[in-house]
Amino acid sequence: MAEFSFADSVLVDAPPQLVYTTVSDVTRTGEWSPICVGCDWEDGDGPRVGARFTGHNRKPDREWSTTGEVVVADPGRAFAWEVNGGLVRWGYEMEPEGDGTRLTETWEFRERGRTFFHEKYGDDAEHEIAVRVADARSGIPATLAAIKRVVEGAVSGSS
């Protein structure tokens, strides 16, 4: 299972509530994600369990959208969502550490997602799955570094 999940962490010099407020505002995702260029809440919703949003993604060779549904919304502690009915799960966990926050991003490409890819891509499924795994493994550290810059920039800008 380890090859279909990944997590990484970064220490952010800001309180957990500020980190949560930032990462749970999916409309800002384009500020830190290397692939997701932005998200829109459905019906003007917000970060609560059951809220849905559309994610707009771009790579050099293609563009696509996904539907996300918030499955965890615990202010200052955790925010997570499932993509396209649970094929993939993404999340953030916040833990106080010193004067800052240990922010962990998690990703899981679930079995039903891999089954879906086999149905959709046939003989190319393993390649397509490997691309998604590589994107998560390279994207999560890049995303965390960018979130750290965004949040710490907001903190230093308000001082």
N, C-alpha and C. Protein backbone atom coordinates (compact mmCIF):
# COMPACT_ATOMS: atom_id res chain seq x y z
N MET A 1 0.82 -1.20 0.00
CA MET A 1 0.00 0.00 0.00
C MET A 1 0.85 1.26 0.00
N ALA A 2 2.06 1.17 0.53
CA ALA A 2 2.90 2.37 0.67
C ALA A 2 3.15 3.06 -0.66
N GLU A 3 3.22 2.33 -1.77
CA GLU A 3 3.50 2.98 -3.03
C GLU A 3 2.33 3.83 -3.51
N PHE A 4 1.14 3.62 -2.95
CA PHE A 4 -0.04 4.37 -3.36
C PHE A 4 -0.47 5.40 -2.32
N SER A 5 0.44 5.69 -1.39
CA SER A 5 0.19 6.76 -0.43
C SER A 5 1.50 7.48 -0.18
N PHE A 6 1.38 8.72 0.24
CA PHE A 6 2.57 9.52 0.48
C PHE A 6 2.21 10.63 1.45
N ALA A 7 3.15 11.00 2.29
CA ALA A 7 2.97 12.12 3.21
C ALA A 7 4.31 12.80 3.41
N ASP A 8 4.26 14.09 3.63
CA ASP A 8 5.46 14.86 3.95
C ASP A 8 5.04 16.01 4.84
N SER A 9 6.00 16.58 5.54
CA SER A 9 5.70 17.65 6.51
C SER A 9 6.68 18.80 6.37
N VAL A 10 6.23 19.94 6.89
CA VAL A 10 7.06 21.13 6.95
C VAL A 10 6.68 21.89 8.22
N LEU A 11 7.64 22.58 8.80
CA LEU A 11 7.36 23.43 9.96
C LEU A 11 7.05 24.83 9.45
N VAL A 12 5.86 25.33 9.79
CA VAL A 12 5.42 26.65 9.37
C VAL A 12 5.44 27.56 10.59
N ASP A 13 6.06 28.71 10.45
CA ASP A 13 6.17 29.67 11.55
C ASP A 13 4.89 30.50 11.65
N ALA A 14 3.82 29.81 12.09
CA ALA A 14 2.51 30.44 12.24
C ALA A 14 1.65 29.50 13.07
N PRO A 15 0.63 30.03 13.73
CA PRO A 15 -0.23 29.18 14.56
C PRO A 15 -1.10 28.24 13.72
N PRO A 16 -1.47 27.09 14.29
CA PRO A 16 -2.27 26.11 13.55
C PRO A 16 -3.56 26.67 12.96
N GLN A 17 -4.24 27.56 13.66
CA GLN A 17 -5.50 28.09 13.14
C GLN A 17 -5.28 28.88 11.85
N LEU A 18 -4.20 29.65 11.77
CA LEU A 18 -3.90 30.40 10.55
C LEU A 18 -3.55 29.45 9.41
N VAL A 19 -2.78 28.42 9.72
CA VAL A 19 -2.43 27.43 8.69
C VAL A 19 -3.70 26.75 8.19
N TYR A 20 -4.57 26.36 9.10
CA TYR A 20 -5.84 25.73 8.72
C TYR A 20 -6.68 26.66 7.84
N THR A 21 -6.82 27.90 8.27
CA THR A 21 -7.63 28.86 7.52
C THR A 21 -7.10 29.00 6.10
N THR A 22 -5.80 28.96 5.95
CA THR A 22 -5.18 29.09 4.63
C THR A 22 -5.45 27.85 3.77
N VAL A 23 -5.08 26.66 4.27
CA VAL A 23 -5.19 25.46 3.44
C VAL A 23 -6.63 25.02 3.20
N SER A 24 -7.53 25.39 4.09
CA SER A 24 -8.93 25.00 3.90
C SER A 24 -9.68 25.93 2.95
N ASP A 25 -9.04 27.02 2.55
CA ASP A 25 -9.64 27.91 1.55
C ASP A 25 -9.21 27.40 0.17
N VAL A 26 -9.96 26.42 -0.34
CA VAL A 26 -9.57 25.76 -1.59
C VAL A 26 -9.50 26.72 -2.76
N THR A 27 -10.14 27.89 -2.65
CA THR A 27 -10.07 28.86 -3.75
C THR A 27 -8.66 29.42 -3.91
N ARG A 28 -7.80 29.19 -2.91
CA ARG A 28 -6.42 29.68 -2.96
C ARG A 28 -5.42 28.62 -3.42
N THR A 29 -5.88 27.41 -3.69
CA THR A 29 -4.99 26.30 -3.99
C THR A 29 -4.00 26.61 -5.12
N GLY A 30 -4.42 27.37 -6.09
CA GLY A 30 -3.53 27.73 -7.20
C GLY A 30 -2.30 28.52 -6.76
N GLU A 31 -2.33 29.09 -5.56
CA GLU A 31 -1.18 29.82 -5.04
C GLU A 31 -0.03 28.90 -4.65
N TRP A 32 -0.34 27.61 -4.39
CA TRP A 32 0.73 26.73 -3.91
C TRP A 32 0.84 25.40 -4.64
N SER A 33 -0.15 24.99 -5.36
CA SER A 33 -0.09 23.69 -6.02
C SER A 33 0.62 23.77 -7.37
N PRO A 34 1.50 22.80 -7.66
CA PRO A 34 2.14 22.80 -8.98
C PRO A 34 1.22 22.29 -10.10
N ILE A 35 0.08 21.69 -9.76
CA ILE A 35 -0.83 21.16 -10.79
C ILE A 35 -2.22 21.78 -10.71
N CYS A 36 -2.77 21.90 -9.52
CA CYS A 36 -4.11 22.49 -9.37
C CYS A 36 -3.99 24.01 -9.48
N VAL A 37 -4.62 24.56 -10.49
CA VAL A 37 -4.52 26.00 -10.72
C VAL A 37 -5.60 26.80 -10.00
N GLY A 38 -6.57 26.09 -9.42
CA GLY A 38 -7.61 26.77 -8.65
C GLY A 38 -8.79 25.87 -8.39
N CYS A 39 -9.60 26.28 -7.43
CA CYS A 39 -10.81 25.53 -7.07
C CYS A 39 -11.94 26.51 -6.84
N ASP A 40 -13.16 26.03 -7.07
CA ASP A 40 -14.36 26.83 -6.85
C ASP A 40 -15.31 26.02 -5.98
N TRP A 41 -15.77 26.62 -4.90
CA TRP A 41 -16.79 25.98 -4.07
C TRP A 41 -18.09 25.90 -4.85
N GLU A 42 -18.79 24.80 -4.74
CA GLU A 42 -20.14 24.71 -5.32
C GLU A 42 -21.10 25.50 -4.44
N ASP A 43 -21.99 26.22 -5.05
CA ASP A 43 -23.02 26.98 -4.34
C ASP A 43 -22.44 27.91 -3.28
N GLY A 44 -21.25 28.45 -3.51
CA GLY A 44 -20.65 29.39 -2.56
C GLY A 44 -20.36 28.79 -1.20
N ASP A 45 -20.17 27.48 -1.17
CA ASP A 45 -19.96 26.77 0.10
C ASP A 45 -18.62 27.15 0.72
N GLY A 46 -18.21 26.41 1.72
CA GLY A 46 -16.94 26.67 2.39
C GLY A 46 -16.42 25.41 3.05
N PRO A 47 -15.39 25.53 3.83
CA PRO A 47 -14.73 24.35 4.38
C PRO A 47 -15.52 23.69 5.52
N ARG A 48 -16.48 22.87 5.14
CA ARG A 48 -17.22 22.09 6.12
C ARG A 48 -17.40 20.69 5.55
N VAL A 49 -17.55 19.71 6.41
CA VAL A 49 -17.76 18.34 5.95
C VAL A 49 -19.00 18.29 5.06
N GLY A 50 -18.85 17.67 3.90
CA GLY A 50 -19.92 17.57 2.93
C GLY A 50 -19.88 18.64 1.85
N ALA A 51 -19.13 19.71 2.07
CA ALA A 51 -19.01 20.76 1.05
C ALA A 51 -18.29 20.19 -0.17
N ARG A 52 -18.71 20.66 -1.34
CA ARG A 52 -18.13 20.17 -2.59
C ARG A 52 -17.49 21.33 -3.35
N PHE A 53 -16.46 20.98 -4.12
CA PHE A 53 -15.78 21.97 -4.94
C PHE A 53 -15.24 21.33 -6.20
N THR A 54 -15.01 22.17 -7.20
CA THR A 54 -14.40 21.73 -8.44
C THR A 54 -12.95 22.19 -8.45
N GLY A 55 -12.04 21.27 -8.73
CA GLY A 55 -10.62 21.59 -8.84
C GLY A 55 -10.23 21.63 -10.32
N HIS A 56 -9.51 22.66 -10.70
CA HIS A 56 -9.06 22.84 -12.08
C HIS A 56 -7.56 22.57 -12.13
N ASN A 57 -7.17 21.62 -12.96
CA ASN A 57 -5.79 21.15 -12.98
C ASN A 57 -5.17 21.35 -14.36
N ARG A 58 -3.85 21.54 -14.35
CA ARG A 58 -3.15 21.75 -15.61
C ARG A 58 -1.74 21.18 -15.53
N LYS A 59 -1.41 20.45 -16.58
CA LYS A 59 -0.04 20.00 -16.82
C LYS A 59 0.29 20.40 -18.26
N PRO A 60 1.55 20.36 -18.66
CA PRO A 60 1.87 20.80 -20.01
C PRO A 60 1.11 20.07 -21.11
N ASP A 61 0.75 18.81 -20.86
CA ASP A 61 0.11 18.03 -21.92
C ASP A 61 -1.41 17.92 -21.81
N ARG A 62 -2.00 18.47 -20.73
CA ARG A 62 -3.45 18.36 -20.62
C ARG A 62 -4.01 19.23 -19.50
N GLU A 63 -5.33 19.45 -19.56
CA GLU A 63 -6.07 20.15 -18.51
C GLU A 63 -7.30 19.31 -18.18
N TRP A 64 -7.72 19.32 -16.91
CA TRP A 64 -8.89 18.56 -16.48
C TRP A 64 -9.42 19.13 -15.18
N SER A 65 -10.63 18.75 -14.86
CA SER A 65 -11.26 19.18 -13.61
C SER A 65 -11.69 17.94 -12.82
N THR A 66 -11.78 18.11 -11.52
CA THR A 66 -12.22 17.04 -10.63
C THR A 66 -13.25 17.61 -9.66
N THR A 67 -13.97 16.72 -9.01
CA THR A 67 -14.90 17.13 -7.97
C THR A 67 -14.35 16.65 -6.63
N GLY A 68 -14.24 17.58 -5.69
CA GLY A 68 -13.78 17.24 -4.35
C GLY A 68 -14.92 17.38 -3.36
N GLU A 69 -14.90 16.53 -2.35
CA GLU A 69 -15.86 16.64 -1.25
C GLU A 69 -15.10 16.61 0.07
N VAL A 70 -15.34 17.62 0.89
CA VAL A 70 -14.66 17.71 2.18
C VAL A 70 -15.14 16.58 3.08
N VAL A 71 -14.18 15.84 3.64
CA VAL A 71 -14.50 14.73 4.54
C VAL A 71 -14.01 14.99 5.97
N VAL A 72 -13.10 15.95 6.14
CA VAL A 72 -12.63 16.35 7.46
C VAL A 72 -12.47 17.86 7.45
N ALA A 73 -13.07 18.53 8.43
CA ALA A 73 -12.92 19.98 8.59
C ALA A 73 -12.87 20.26 10.09
N ASP A 74 -11.68 20.16 10.64
CA ASP A 74 -11.45 20.32 12.07
C ASP A 74 -10.50 21.51 12.25
N PRO A 75 -11.06 22.71 12.43
CA PRO A 75 -10.25 23.93 12.44
C PRO A 75 -9.03 23.84 13.36
N GLY A 76 -7.89 24.19 12.78
CA GLY A 76 -6.63 24.19 13.51
C GLY A 76 -5.99 22.81 13.62
N ARG A 77 -6.68 21.77 13.13
CA ARG A 77 -6.15 20.40 13.27
C ARG A 77 -6.04 19.64 11.96
N ALA A 78 -7.13 19.61 11.17
CA ALA A 78 -7.11 18.78 9.96
C ALA A 78 -8.14 19.24 8.95
N PHE A 79 -7.78 19.07 7.69
CA PHE A 79 -8.68 19.35 6.57
C PHE A 79 -8.38 18.32 5.50
N ALA A 80 -9.43 17.61 5.02
CA ALA A 80 -9.21 16.58 4.01
C ALA A 80 -10.40 16.50 3.08
N TRP A 81 -10.15 15.98 1.87
CA TRP A 81 -11.20 15.82 0.88
C TRP A 81 -10.93 14.59 0.04
N GLU A 82 -12.00 14.08 -0.54
CA GLU A 82 -11.90 12.96 -1.47
C GLU A 82 -12.24 13.48 -2.86
N VAL A 83 -11.58 12.91 -3.84
CA VAL A 83 -11.73 13.33 -5.23
C VAL A 83 -12.57 12.30 -5.99
N ASN A 84 -13.53 12.83 -6.76
CA ASN A 84 -14.35 12.01 -7.64
C ASN A 84 -14.93 10.78 -6.94
N GLY A 85 -15.60 11.03 -5.83
CA GLY A 85 -16.30 9.95 -5.14
C GLY A 85 -15.40 9.02 -4.35
N GLY A 86 -14.22 9.45 -3.99
CA GLY A 86 -13.35 8.64 -3.14
C GLY A 86 -12.26 7.89 -3.86
N LEU A 87 -11.97 8.25 -5.11
CA LEU A 87 -10.89 7.58 -5.84
C LEU A 87 -9.54 7.91 -5.24
N VAL A 88 -9.42 9.15 -4.76
CA VAL A 88 -8.18 9.65 -4.16
C VAL A 88 -8.56 10.46 -2.93
N ARG A 89 -7.71 10.43 -1.91
CA ARG A 89 -7.93 11.24 -0.71
C ARG A 89 -6.70 12.11 -0.49
N TRP A 90 -6.93 13.39 -0.28
CA TRP A 90 -5.89 14.37 0.04
C TRP A 90 -6.20 14.97 1.41
N GLY A 91 -5.19 15.38 2.13
CA GLY A 91 -5.47 16.01 3.40
C GLY A 91 -4.28 16.78 3.96
N TYR A 92 -4.60 17.61 4.94
CA TYR A 92 -3.61 18.35 5.71
C TYR A 92 -3.87 18.11 7.18
N GLU A 93 -2.80 17.92 7.93
CA GLU A 93 -2.89 17.81 9.38
C GLU A 93 -1.97 18.87 9.98
N MET A 94 -2.46 19.53 11.03
CA MET A 94 -1.69 20.57 11.69
C MET A 94 -1.45 20.18 13.14
N GLU A 95 -0.20 20.25 13.56
CA GLU A 95 0.14 19.99 14.96
C GLU A 95 0.99 21.15 15.47
N PRO A 96 0.64 21.68 16.66
CA PRO A 96 1.48 22.73 17.22
C PRO A 96 2.89 22.20 17.45
N GLU A 97 3.87 23.01 17.11
CA GLU A 97 5.27 22.65 17.37
C GLU A 97 6.01 23.94 17.70
N GLY A 98 6.42 24.07 18.96
CA GLY A 98 7.03 25.32 19.40
C GLY A 98 6.05 26.46 19.21
N ASP A 99 6.50 27.52 18.55
CA ASP A 99 5.62 28.66 18.25
C ASP A 99 4.95 28.52 16.89
N GLY A 100 5.17 27.39 16.24
CA GLY A 100 4.64 27.22 14.89
C GLY A 100 3.75 25.99 14.76
N THR A 101 3.69 25.50 13.54
CA THR A 101 2.81 24.37 13.21
C THR A 101 3.56 23.38 12.33
N ARG A 102 3.48 22.13 12.69
CA ARG A 102 3.97 21.05 11.82
C ARG A 102 2.81 20.73 10.88
N LEU A 103 2.96 21.09 9.60
CA LEU A 103 1.93 20.86 8.59
C LEU A 103 2.31 19.61 7.80
N THR A 104 1.41 18.63 7.79
CA THR A 104 1.63 17.40 7.04
C THR A 104 0.58 17.30 5.95
N GLU A 105 1.03 17.04 4.74
CA GLU A 105 0.11 16.79 3.64
C GLU A 105 0.11 15.29 3.35
N THR A 106 -1.08 14.73 3.18
CA THR A 106 -1.20 13.30 2.92
C THR A 106 -1.93 13.08 1.60
N TRP A 107 -1.63 11.95 0.98
CA TRP A 107 -2.24 11.56 -0.29
C TRP A 107 -2.39 10.06 -0.32
N GLU A 108 -3.54 9.60 -0.76
CA GLU A 108 -3.76 8.16 -0.92
C GLU A 108 -4.52 7.91 -2.21
N PHE A 109 -3.92 7.13 -3.09
CA PHE A 109 -4.56 6.69 -4.33
C PHE A 109 -5.21 5.35 -4.00
N ARG A 110 -6.49 5.39 -3.73
CA ARG A 110 -7.20 4.24 -3.21
C ARG A 110 -7.37 3.13 -4.24
N GLU A 111 -7.65 1.94 -3.73
CA GLU A 111 -7.82 0.79 -4.61
C GLU A 111 -8.91 1.03 -5.65
N ARG A 112 -10.01 1.64 -5.22
CA ARG A 112 -11.07 1.90 -6.19
C ARG A 112 -10.64 2.90 -7.26
N GLY A 113 -9.73 3.79 -6.93
CA GLY A 113 -9.17 4.69 -7.92
C GLY A 113 -8.31 3.96 -8.93
N ARG A 114 -7.51 3.04 -8.42
CA ARG A 114 -6.66 2.26 -9.33
C ARG A 114 -7.52 1.36 -10.22
N THR A 115 -8.60 0.80 -9.66
CA THR A 115 -9.53 0.00 -10.46
C THR A 115 -10.16 0.87 -11.55
N PHE A 116 -10.57 2.08 -11.18
CA PHE A 116 -11.15 3.01 -12.15
C PHE A 116 -10.15 3.29 -13.28
N PHE A 117 -8.87 3.49 -12.93
CA PHE A 117 -7.86 3.76 -13.95
C PHE A 117 -7.69 2.58 -14.89
N HIS A 118 -7.77 1.37 -14.36
CA HIS A 118 -7.67 0.19 -15.23
C HIS A 118 -8.85 0.13 -16.19
N GLU A 119 -10.03 0.49 -15.70
CA GLU A 119 -11.20 0.50 -16.57
C GLU A 119 -11.10 1.61 -17.61
N LYS A 120 -10.62 2.77 -17.21
CA LYS A 120 -10.55 3.93 -18.11
C LYS A 120 -9.41 3.83 -19.12
N TYR A 121 -8.23 3.41 -18.65
CA TYR A 121 -7.05 3.46 -19.50
C TYR A 121 -6.61 2.11 -20.07
N GLY A 122 -7.20 1.02 -19.63
CA GLY A 122 -6.86 -0.30 -20.17
C GLY A 122 -5.39 -0.61 -20.05
N ASP A 123 -4.75 -0.92 -21.19
CA ASP A 123 -3.33 -1.30 -21.19
C ASP A 123 -2.41 -0.18 -20.72
N ASP A 124 -2.87 1.06 -20.78
CA ASP A 124 -2.05 2.20 -20.34
C ASP A 124 -2.24 2.53 -18.86
N ALA A 125 -3.06 1.76 -18.16
CA ALA A 125 -3.40 2.07 -16.77
C ALA A 125 -2.17 2.14 -15.86
N GLU A 126 -1.29 1.18 -15.94
CA GLU A 126 -0.13 1.18 -15.04
C GLU A 126 0.73 2.42 -15.27
N HIS A 127 0.88 2.83 -16.52
CA HIS A 127 1.64 4.05 -16.81
C HIS A 127 0.93 5.26 -16.21
N GLU A 128 -0.38 5.37 -16.41
CA GLU A 128 -1.14 6.51 -15.90
C GLU A 128 -1.10 6.55 -14.37
N ILE A 129 -1.18 5.40 -13.73
CA ILE A 129 -1.08 5.33 -12.27
C ILE A 129 0.30 5.78 -11.82
N ALA A 130 1.34 5.32 -12.51
CA ALA A 130 2.71 5.71 -12.14
C ALA A 130 2.90 7.21 -12.27
N VAL A 131 2.28 7.83 -13.27
CA VAL A 131 2.36 9.28 -13.43
C VAL A 131 1.74 9.98 -12.23
N ARG A 132 0.56 9.50 -11.78
CA ARG A 132 -0.11 10.12 -10.63
C ARG A 132 0.71 9.96 -9.36
N VAL A 133 1.31 8.79 -9.18
CA VAL A 133 2.16 8.55 -8.00
C VAL A 133 3.35 9.51 -8.02
N ALA A 134 4.01 9.62 -9.17
CA ALA A 134 5.17 10.52 -9.28
C ALA A 134 4.76 11.97 -9.06
N ASP A 135 3.60 12.38 -9.59
CA ASP A 135 3.13 13.75 -9.39
C ASP A 135 2.91 14.03 -7.91
N ALA A 136 2.33 13.10 -7.18
CA ALA A 136 2.09 13.30 -5.75
C ALA A 136 3.42 13.37 -5.00
N ARG A 137 4.32 12.47 -5.31
CA ARG A 137 5.60 12.43 -4.60
C ARG A 137 6.46 13.67 -4.84
N SER A 138 6.36 14.27 -6.01
CA SER A 138 7.10 15.51 -6.26
C SER A 138 6.27 16.73 -5.89
N GLY A 139 4.96 16.64 -6.05
CA GLY A 139 4.10 17.79 -5.81
C GLY A 139 3.90 18.14 -4.35
N ILE A 140 3.82 17.14 -3.49
CA ILE A 140 3.57 17.41 -2.08
C ILE A 140 4.69 18.24 -1.45
N PRO A 141 5.97 17.88 -1.61
CA PRO A 141 7.01 18.75 -1.04
C PRO A 141 6.99 20.16 -1.63
N ALA A 142 6.73 20.28 -2.93
CA ALA A 142 6.65 21.61 -3.55
C ALA A 142 5.47 22.40 -3.00
N THR A 143 4.34 21.72 -2.81
CA THR A 143 3.15 22.37 -2.27
C THR A 143 3.41 22.85 -0.84
N LEU A 144 4.00 22.00 -0.02
CA LEU A 144 4.27 22.38 1.36
C LEU A 144 5.22 23.58 1.44
N ALA A 145 6.25 23.58 0.61
CA ALA A 145 7.18 24.72 0.60
C ALA A 145 6.46 26.00 0.21
N ALA A 146 5.56 25.91 -0.75
CA ALA A 146 4.82 27.10 -1.19
C ALA A 146 3.83 27.57 -0.12
N ILE A 147 3.14 26.63 0.53
CA ILE A 147 2.23 27.01 1.62
C ILE A 147 3.00 27.71 2.72
N LYS A 148 4.16 27.18 3.06
CA LYS A 148 5.00 27.81 4.09
C LYS A 148 5.32 29.25 3.70
N ARG A 149 5.71 29.49 2.45
CA ARG A 149 6.01 30.85 1.98
C ARG A 149 4.77 31.75 2.07
N VAL A 150 3.63 31.23 1.62
CA VAL A 150 2.39 32.03 1.62
C VAL A 150 1.98 32.40 3.05
N VAL A 151 1.95 31.41 3.94
CA VAL A 151 1.50 31.65 5.31
C VAL A 151 2.49 32.54 6.05
N GLU A 152 3.77 32.23 5.97
CA GLU A 152 4.76 33.04 6.68
C GLU A 152 4.84 34.45 6.10
N GLY A 153 4.59 34.59 4.80
CA GLY A 153 4.53 35.92 4.20
C GLY A 153 3.37 36.73 4.74
N ALA A 154 2.24 36.06 4.97
CA ALA A 154 1.08 36.75 5.54
C ALA A 154 1.36 37.17 6.97
N VAL A 155 2.04 36.30 7.72
CA VAL A 155 2.36 36.62 9.12
C VAL A 155 3.34 37.79 9.18
N SER A 156 4.38 37.76 8.36
CA SER A 156 5.37 38.84 8.41
C SER A 156 4.78 40.13 7.84
N GLY A 157 3.85 40.01 6.91
CA GLY A 157 3.20 41.19 6.34
C GLY A 157 2.26 41.87 7.30
N SER A 158 1.75 41.11 8.31
CA SER A 158 0.82 41.69 9.27
C SER A 158 1.52 42.18 10.52
N SER A 159 2.83 41.94 10.62
CA SER A 159 3.56 42.36 11.83
C SER A 159 3.89 43.82 11.79
